[in-house]
């Protein structure tokens, strides 16, 4: 009788351990899928913004800012070295990264906004060829096969 109870307890514990392992495996698969989905979303967004920049449907400064944030969110092994790989985007990002947007931009002094716009537009003009070359390189790198 004691042997039967022991076998039942061991079987129940084995079943419980097996179900926990199965749940862990499912959770791991789900996390991997979510990671892959996020990376694909980042890649798709990079391609879309690069196309918009190359087709002049997006300001270069806005595109550079958005691209840099997306590139920053890629997993570390997929991140390019900013200075070496995309120097035009990096330089444009350095110009605009601290400029206020949306509500903060509307609330600041109009003279300051105009000065920032002048700096941004001059940087866009100076870096245009480099930014477009970087956008083309990113598009080639992330375009779906």
N, C-alpha and C. Protein backbone atom coordinates (compact mmCIF):
# COMPACT_ATOMS: atom_id res chain seq x y z
N UNK A 1 0.82 -1.19 0.00
CA UNK A 1 0.00 0.00 0.00
C UNK A 1 0.88 1.27 0.00
N UNK A 2 1.93 1.26 0.85
CA UNK A 2 2.84 2.39 0.90
C UNK A 2 3.57 2.58 -0.44
N UNK A 3 3.88 1.49 -1.08
CA UNK A 3 4.54 1.55 -2.38
C UNK A 3 3.63 2.19 -3.43
N UNK A 4 2.37 1.88 -3.40
CA UNK A 4 1.40 2.45 -4.35
C UNK A 4 1.28 3.96 -4.13
N UNK A 5 1.19 4.37 -2.88
CA UNK A 5 1.11 5.80 -2.56
C UNK A 5 2.39 6.51 -3.02
N UNK A 6 3.54 5.91 -2.79
CA UNK A 6 4.82 6.50 -3.21
C UNK A 6 4.88 6.64 -4.72
N UNK A 7 4.43 5.62 -5.44
CA UNK A 7 4.42 5.68 -6.91
C UNK A 7 3.49 6.78 -7.39
N UNK A 8 2.34 6.91 -6.76
CA UNK A 8 1.37 7.95 -7.15
C UNK A 8 1.97 9.34 -6.88
N UNK A 9 2.61 9.52 -5.73
CA UNK A 9 3.23 10.81 -5.41
C UNK A 9 4.34 11.14 -6.40
N UNK A 10 5.19 10.17 -6.68
CA UNK A 10 6.29 10.39 -7.63
C UNK A 10 5.73 10.69 -9.02
N UNK A 11 4.70 9.97 -9.43
CA UNK A 11 4.09 10.20 -10.74
C UNK A 11 3.48 11.60 -10.80
N UNK A 12 2.80 12.00 -9.72
CA UNK A 12 2.20 13.33 -9.68
C UNK A 12 3.28 14.41 -9.74
N UNK A 13 4.34 14.23 -8.99
CA UNK A 13 5.44 15.21 -9.02
C UNK A 13 6.12 15.24 -10.39
N UNK A 14 6.28 14.09 -10.99
CA UNK A 14 6.88 14.04 -12.34
C UNK A 14 5.98 14.75 -13.34
N UNK A 15 4.68 14.53 -13.24
CA UNK A 15 3.74 15.21 -14.15
C UNK A 15 3.80 16.71 -13.93
N UNK A 16 3.82 17.14 -12.67
CA UNK A 16 3.89 18.57 -12.35
C UNK A 16 5.19 19.18 -12.88
N UNK A 17 6.30 18.50 -12.68
CA UNK A 17 7.60 18.99 -13.19
C UNK A 17 7.58 19.06 -14.71
N UNK A 18 7.00 18.05 -15.34
CA UNK A 18 6.89 18.05 -16.80
C UNK A 18 6.04 19.20 -17.30
N UNK A 19 4.93 19.47 -16.61
CA UNK A 19 4.07 20.58 -17.04
C UNK A 19 4.78 21.92 -16.84
N UNK A 20 5.55 22.06 -15.78
CA UNK A 20 6.33 23.29 -15.57
C UNK A 20 7.38 23.47 -16.66
N UNK A 21 8.05 22.41 -17.02
CA UNK A 21 9.04 22.48 -18.10
C UNK A 21 8.38 22.85 -19.42
N UNK A 22 7.21 22.28 -19.68
CA UNK A 22 6.48 22.60 -20.91
C UNK A 22 6.09 24.07 -20.93
N UNK A 23 5.58 24.59 -19.78
CA UNK A 23 5.22 26.01 -19.69
C UNK A 23 6.44 26.91 -19.90
N UNK A 24 7.56 26.52 -19.34
CA UNK A 24 8.79 27.29 -19.52
C UNK A 24 9.20 27.31 -20.98
N UNK A 25 9.10 26.17 -21.62
CA UNK A 25 9.44 26.09 -23.04
C UNK A 25 8.51 26.97 -23.88
N UNK A 26 7.22 26.96 -23.56
CA UNK A 26 6.26 27.80 -24.29
C UNK A 26 6.55 29.27 -24.06
N UNK A 27 6.88 29.62 -22.83
CA UNK A 27 7.19 31.01 -22.51
C UNK A 27 8.46 31.46 -23.25
N UNK A 28 9.45 30.61 -23.32
CA UNK A 28 10.69 30.92 -24.03
C UNK A 28 10.41 31.13 -25.51
N UNK A 29 9.59 30.26 -26.10
CA UNK A 29 9.24 30.41 -27.51
C UNK A 29 8.50 31.72 -27.75
N UNK A 30 7.58 32.05 -26.85
CA UNK A 30 6.82 33.30 -26.97
C UNK A 30 7.75 34.50 -26.89
N UNK A 31 8.68 34.49 -25.95
CA UNK A 31 9.63 35.60 -25.80
C UNK A 31 10.50 35.74 -27.05
N UNK A 32 10.94 34.62 -27.60
CA UNK A 32 11.76 34.67 -28.82
C UNK A 32 10.94 35.23 -29.98
N UNK A 33 9.67 34.84 -30.08
CA UNK A 33 8.82 35.34 -31.15
C UNK A 33 8.57 36.84 -30.99
N UNK A 34 8.34 37.27 -29.75
CA UNK A 34 8.13 38.69 -29.50
C UNK A 34 9.38 39.49 -29.83
N UNK A 35 10.54 38.96 -29.50
CA UNK A 35 11.81 39.62 -29.83
C UNK A 35 11.98 39.72 -31.34
N UNK A 36 11.67 38.65 -32.05
CA UNK A 36 11.78 38.65 -33.51
C UNK A 36 10.78 39.62 -34.12
N UNK A 37 9.57 39.66 -33.57
CA UNK A 37 8.55 40.60 -34.07
C UNK A 37 8.98 42.04 -33.86
N UNK A 38 9.57 42.32 -32.69
CA UNK A 38 10.03 43.68 -32.41
C UNK A 38 11.15 44.07 -33.37
N UNK A 39 12.08 43.16 -33.59
CA UNK A 39 13.18 43.47 -34.49
C UNK A 39 12.66 43.67 -35.92
N UNK A 40 11.68 42.88 -36.33
CA UNK A 40 11.11 43.05 -37.67
C UNK A 40 10.39 44.39 -37.78
N UNK A 41 9.69 44.79 -36.72
CA UNK A 41 9.03 46.09 -36.71
C UNK A 41 10.06 47.21 -36.85
N UNK A 42 11.16 47.10 -36.12
CA UNK A 42 12.22 48.10 -36.21
C UNK A 42 12.79 48.15 -37.63
N UNK A 43 13.03 46.99 -38.20
CA UNK A 43 13.57 46.93 -39.57
C UNK A 43 12.60 47.55 -40.57
N UNK A 44 11.32 47.19 -40.46
CA UNK A 44 10.31 47.74 -41.36
C UNK A 44 10.21 49.26 -41.22
N UNK A 45 10.28 49.74 -39.99
CA UNK A 45 10.21 51.18 -39.75
C UNK A 45 11.42 51.89 -40.34
N UNK A 46 12.60 51.30 -40.20
CA UNK A 46 13.81 51.88 -40.77
C UNK A 46 13.68 51.97 -42.29
N UNK A 47 13.22 50.91 -42.92
CA UNK A 47 13.04 50.92 -44.37
C UNK A 47 12.05 52.00 -44.78
N UNK A 48 10.93 52.10 -44.08
CA UNK A 48 9.90 53.09 -44.42
C UNK A 48 10.44 54.51 -44.30
N UNK A 49 11.15 54.80 -43.22
CA UNK A 49 11.68 56.15 -43.03
C UNK A 49 12.76 56.46 -44.06
N UNK A 50 13.61 55.50 -44.36
CA UNK A 50 14.65 55.72 -45.39
C UNK A 50 14.01 56.03 -46.74
N UNK A 51 12.99 55.27 -47.10
CA UNK A 51 12.30 55.53 -48.37
C UNK A 51 11.70 56.93 -48.37
N UNK A 52 11.07 57.31 -47.27
CA UNK A 52 10.45 58.64 -47.18
C UNK A 52 11.50 59.74 -47.30
N UNK A 53 12.65 59.53 -46.70
CA UNK A 53 13.72 60.54 -46.80
C UNK A 53 14.25 60.63 -48.23
N UNK A 54 14.47 59.48 -48.85
CA UNK A 54 15.02 59.48 -50.20
C UNK A 54 14.03 60.03 -51.22
N UNK A 55 12.74 59.91 -50.93
CA UNK A 55 11.71 60.44 -51.82
C UNK A 55 11.27 61.84 -51.41
N UNK A 56 12.00 62.45 -50.49
CA UNK A 56 11.75 63.81 -50.00
C UNK A 56 10.35 63.98 -49.43
N UNK A 57 9.85 62.94 -48.77
CA UNK A 57 8.55 63.00 -48.11
C UNK A 57 8.70 63.23 -46.61
N UNK A 58 9.93 63.36 -46.16
CA UNK A 58 10.23 63.51 -44.74
C UNK A 58 11.43 64.44 -44.62
N UNK A 59 11.36 65.38 -43.69
CA UNK A 59 12.51 66.26 -43.48
C UNK A 59 13.70 65.42 -43.03
N UNK A 60 14.86 65.81 -43.49
CA UNK A 60 16.07 65.04 -43.17
C UNK A 60 16.34 65.01 -41.67
N UNK A 61 16.10 66.12 -40.99
CA UNK A 61 16.35 66.15 -39.55
C UNK A 61 15.38 65.23 -38.80
N UNK A 62 14.12 65.23 -39.20
CA UNK A 62 13.15 64.35 -38.55
C UNK A 62 13.48 62.89 -38.83
N UNK A 63 13.82 62.60 -40.08
CA UNK A 63 14.18 61.23 -40.42
C UNK A 63 15.41 60.76 -39.67
N UNK A 64 16.42 61.63 -39.58
CA UNK A 64 17.65 61.26 -38.86
C UNK A 64 17.35 60.98 -37.39
N UNK A 65 16.53 61.82 -36.79
CA UNK A 65 16.18 61.63 -35.38
C UNK A 65 15.43 60.31 -35.19
N UNK A 66 14.45 60.06 -36.02
CA UNK A 66 13.67 58.82 -35.90
C UNK A 66 14.53 57.59 -36.18
N UNK A 67 15.36 57.66 -37.21
CA UNK A 67 16.22 56.52 -37.53
C UNK A 67 17.19 56.22 -36.39
N UNK A 68 17.74 57.27 -35.81
CA UNK A 68 18.73 57.04 -34.76
C UNK A 68 18.10 56.36 -33.55
N UNK A 69 16.88 56.76 -33.22
CA UNK A 69 16.19 56.13 -32.11
C UNK A 69 15.91 54.66 -32.43
N UNK A 70 15.48 54.37 -33.66
CA UNK A 70 15.21 52.99 -34.05
C UNK A 70 16.49 52.16 -34.04
N UNK A 71 17.56 52.72 -34.56
CA UNK A 71 18.84 51.99 -34.56
C UNK A 71 19.32 51.73 -33.13
N UNK A 72 19.04 52.67 -32.25
CA UNK A 72 19.45 52.51 -30.86
C UNK A 72 18.69 51.38 -30.17
N UNK A 73 17.50 51.07 -30.67
CA UNK A 73 16.69 50.01 -30.06
C UNK A 73 16.98 48.63 -30.64
N UNK A 74 17.79 48.54 -31.67
CA UNK A 74 18.15 47.22 -32.18
C UNK A 74 19.01 46.50 -31.15
N UNK A 75 18.92 45.20 -31.16
CA UNK A 75 19.75 44.45 -30.22
C UNK A 75 21.21 44.77 -30.49
N UNK A 76 22.05 44.76 -29.45
CA UNK A 76 23.43 45.23 -29.58
C UNK A 76 24.23 44.61 -30.72
N UNK A 77 24.03 43.33 -31.01
CA UNK A 77 24.84 42.74 -32.07
C UNK A 77 24.43 43.22 -33.46
N UNK A 78 23.29 43.90 -33.56
CA UNK A 78 22.86 44.43 -34.86
C UNK A 78 23.05 45.94 -34.97
N UNK A 79 23.55 46.56 -33.91
CA UNK A 79 23.74 48.00 -33.93
C UNK A 79 24.99 48.37 -34.72
N UNK A 80 24.84 49.30 -35.62
CA UNK A 80 26.05 49.77 -36.32
C UNK A 80 26.79 50.77 -35.43
N UNK A 81 28.08 50.91 -35.70
CA UNK A 81 28.84 51.95 -35.03
C UNK A 81 28.41 53.27 -35.67
N UNK A 82 27.81 54.16 -34.90
CA UNK A 82 27.21 55.36 -35.49
C UNK A 82 28.17 56.24 -36.26
N UNK A 83 29.32 56.47 -35.72
CA UNK A 83 30.26 57.39 -36.37
C UNK A 83 30.82 56.77 -37.65
N UNK A 84 31.14 55.49 -37.60
CA UNK A 84 31.75 54.83 -38.75
C UNK A 84 30.74 54.50 -39.86
N UNK A 85 29.59 53.97 -39.48
CA UNK A 85 28.65 53.47 -40.47
C UNK A 85 27.76 54.54 -41.09
N UNK A 86 27.26 55.45 -40.26
CA UNK A 86 26.29 56.45 -40.74
C UNK A 86 26.64 57.84 -40.19
N UNK A 87 27.76 58.40 -40.64
CA UNK A 87 28.22 59.67 -40.05
C UNK A 87 27.28 60.84 -40.32
N UNK A 88 26.62 60.86 -41.48
CA UNK A 88 25.69 61.97 -41.76
C UNK A 88 24.50 61.95 -40.83
N UNK A 89 23.91 60.78 -40.65
CA UNK A 89 22.78 60.65 -39.72
C UNK A 89 23.22 60.98 -38.29
N UNK A 90 24.41 60.51 -37.94
CA UNK A 90 24.92 60.77 -36.59
C UNK A 90 25.10 62.26 -36.35
N UNK A 91 25.69 62.95 -37.31
CA UNK A 91 25.91 64.38 -37.16
C UNK A 91 24.58 65.13 -37.07
N UNK A 92 23.60 64.75 -37.92
CA UNK A 92 22.30 65.41 -37.89
C UNK A 92 21.60 65.14 -36.56
N UNK A 93 21.71 63.92 -36.09
CA UNK A 93 21.11 63.57 -34.79
C UNK A 93 21.73 64.41 -33.68
N UNK A 94 23.03 64.60 -33.72
CA UNK A 94 23.71 65.41 -32.71
C UNK A 94 23.19 66.85 -32.72
N UNK A 95 22.82 67.35 -33.89
CA UNK A 95 22.31 68.72 -33.99
C UNK A 95 20.91 68.82 -33.38
N UNK A 96 20.04 67.85 -33.65
CA UNK A 96 18.62 68.00 -33.29
C UNK A 96 18.19 67.25 -32.03
N UNK A 97 19.04 66.41 -31.48
CA UNK A 97 18.60 65.54 -30.38
C UNK A 97 18.08 66.29 -29.16
N UNK A 98 18.61 67.46 -28.88
CA UNK A 98 18.19 68.20 -27.69
C UNK A 98 17.18 69.31 -27.98
N UNK A 99 16.78 69.43 -29.24
CA UNK A 99 15.79 70.45 -29.58
C UNK A 99 14.40 69.96 -29.16
N UNK A 100 13.64 70.84 -28.53
CA UNK A 100 12.31 70.43 -28.08
C UNK A 100 11.37 70.17 -29.26
N UNK A 101 10.40 69.31 -29.02
CA UNK A 101 9.40 69.00 -30.05
C UNK A 101 8.00 69.15 -29.44
N UNK A 102 7.04 69.14 -30.28
CA UNK A 102 5.63 69.14 -29.91
C UNK A 102 5.29 70.28 -28.94
N UNK A 103 4.73 69.92 -27.81
CA UNK A 103 4.24 70.91 -26.85
C UNK A 103 5.37 71.79 -26.32
N UNK A 104 6.51 71.19 -26.01
CA UNK A 104 7.65 71.96 -25.48
C UNK A 104 8.11 72.99 -26.51
N UNK A 105 8.09 72.64 -27.77
CA UNK A 105 8.49 73.57 -28.84
C UNK A 105 7.52 74.74 -28.91
N UNK A 106 6.23 74.44 -28.79
CA UNK A 106 5.21 75.49 -28.86
C UNK A 106 5.27 76.43 -27.66
N UNK A 107 5.72 75.93 -26.54
CA UNK A 107 5.76 76.73 -25.32
C UNK A 107 7.01 77.59 -25.19
N UNK A 108 8.04 77.29 -25.97
CA UNK A 108 9.27 78.08 -25.83
C UNK A 108 9.15 79.39 -26.59
N UNK A 109 10.08 80.28 -26.31
CA UNK A 109 10.12 81.59 -26.95
C UNK A 109 10.25 81.44 -28.47
N UNK A 110 9.50 82.23 -29.20
CA UNK A 110 9.48 82.14 -30.67
C UNK A 110 10.85 82.46 -31.27
N UNK A 111 11.58 83.36 -30.65
CA UNK A 111 12.91 83.70 -31.15
C UNK A 111 13.84 82.50 -31.04
N UNK A 112 13.75 81.79 -29.92
CA UNK A 112 14.56 80.60 -29.73
C UNK A 112 14.18 79.51 -30.73
N UNK A 113 12.88 79.38 -30.97
CA UNK A 113 12.42 78.40 -31.96
C UNK A 113 12.98 78.73 -33.33
N UNK A 114 12.96 80.00 -33.69
CA UNK A 114 13.48 80.43 -35.00
C UNK A 114 14.98 80.17 -35.09
N UNK A 115 15.71 80.43 -34.02
CA UNK A 115 17.15 80.17 -34.02
C UNK A 115 17.42 78.67 -34.18
N UNK A 116 16.67 77.85 -33.48
CA UNK A 116 16.84 76.40 -33.60
C UNK A 116 16.49 75.92 -35.01
N UNK A 117 15.43 76.48 -35.59
CA UNK A 117 15.07 76.12 -36.96
C UNK A 117 16.17 76.49 -37.94
N UNK A 118 16.78 77.64 -37.74
CA UNK A 118 17.87 78.06 -38.62
C UNK A 118 19.05 77.10 -38.52
N UNK A 119 19.40 76.70 -37.29
CA UNK A 119 20.49 75.75 -37.08
C UNK A 119 20.15 74.41 -37.75
N UNK A 120 18.92 73.95 -37.53
CA UNK A 120 18.48 72.67 -38.09
C UNK A 120 18.49 72.70 -39.62
N UNK A 121 17.93 73.75 -40.20
CA UNK A 121 17.86 73.85 -41.66
C UNK A 121 19.25 73.97 -42.28
N UNK A 122 20.14 74.71 -41.62
CA UNK A 122 21.51 74.82 -42.13
C UNK A 122 22.21 73.46 -42.07
N UNK A 123 22.01 72.73 -40.98
CA UNK A 123 22.61 71.40 -40.85
C UNK A 123 22.05 70.46 -41.92
N UNK A 124 20.74 70.54 -42.17
CA UNK A 124 20.14 69.71 -43.22
C UNK A 124 20.79 70.01 -44.57
N UNK A 125 20.98 71.28 -44.84
CA UNK A 125 21.58 71.68 -46.11
C UNK A 125 23.04 71.21 -46.20
N UNK A 126 23.79 71.40 -45.14
CA UNK A 126 25.21 71.03 -45.13
C UNK A 126 25.42 69.52 -45.21
N UNK A 127 24.53 68.77 -44.57
CA UNK A 127 24.71 67.31 -44.45
C UNK A 127 23.83 66.51 -45.42
N UNK A 128 23.11 67.19 -46.28
CA UNK A 128 22.13 66.53 -47.14
C UNK A 128 22.70 65.32 -47.88
N UNK A 129 23.79 65.49 -48.56
CA UNK A 129 24.36 64.38 -49.35
C UNK A 129 24.78 63.22 -48.46
N UNK A 130 25.35 63.53 -47.30
CA UNK A 130 25.78 62.47 -46.38
C UNK A 130 24.58 61.73 -45.78
N UNK A 131 23.56 62.49 -45.42
CA UNK A 131 22.35 61.89 -44.84
C UNK A 131 21.67 60.99 -45.86
N UNK A 132 21.54 61.47 -47.08
CA UNK A 132 20.89 60.66 -48.12
C UNK A 132 21.70 59.41 -48.44
N UNK A 133 23.02 59.53 -48.43
CA UNK A 133 23.87 58.35 -48.64
C UNK A 133 23.69 57.34 -47.50
N UNK A 134 23.61 57.85 -46.28
CA UNK A 134 23.39 56.96 -45.14
C UNK A 134 22.01 56.30 -45.20
N UNK A 135 21.01 57.08 -45.61
CA UNK A 135 19.66 56.51 -45.74
C UNK A 135 19.64 55.41 -46.81
N UNK A 136 20.34 55.64 -47.91
CA UNK A 136 20.42 54.63 -48.95
C UNK A 136 21.14 53.36 -48.45
N UNK A 137 22.20 53.56 -47.67
CA UNK A 137 22.94 52.43 -47.12
C UNK A 137 22.07 51.64 -46.13
N UNK A 138 21.32 52.36 -45.30
CA UNK A 138 20.42 51.69 -44.36
C UNK A 138 19.32 50.94 -45.10
N UNK A 139 18.81 51.56 -46.15
CA UNK A 139 17.76 50.91 -46.93
C UNK A 139 18.30 49.61 -47.53
N UNK A 140 19.49 49.65 -48.07
CA UNK A 140 20.10 48.44 -48.65
C UNK A 140 20.33 47.39 -47.56
N UNK A 141 20.70 47.83 -46.40
CA UNK A 141 20.99 46.89 -45.30
C UNK A 141 19.73 46.23 -44.75
N UNK A 142 18.64 46.98 -44.63
CA UNK A 142 17.44 46.49 -43.96
C UNK A 142 16.30 46.14 -44.91
N UNK A 143 16.47 46.38 -46.19
CA UNK A 143 15.40 46.05 -47.13
C UNK A 143 15.14 44.55 -47.09
N UNK A 144 13.86 44.18 -47.10
CA UNK A 144 13.55 42.74 -47.09
C UNK A 144 14.13 42.04 -48.32
N UNK A 145 14.59 40.83 -48.11
CA UNK A 145 15.21 40.07 -49.21
C UNK A 145 14.17 39.62 -50.21
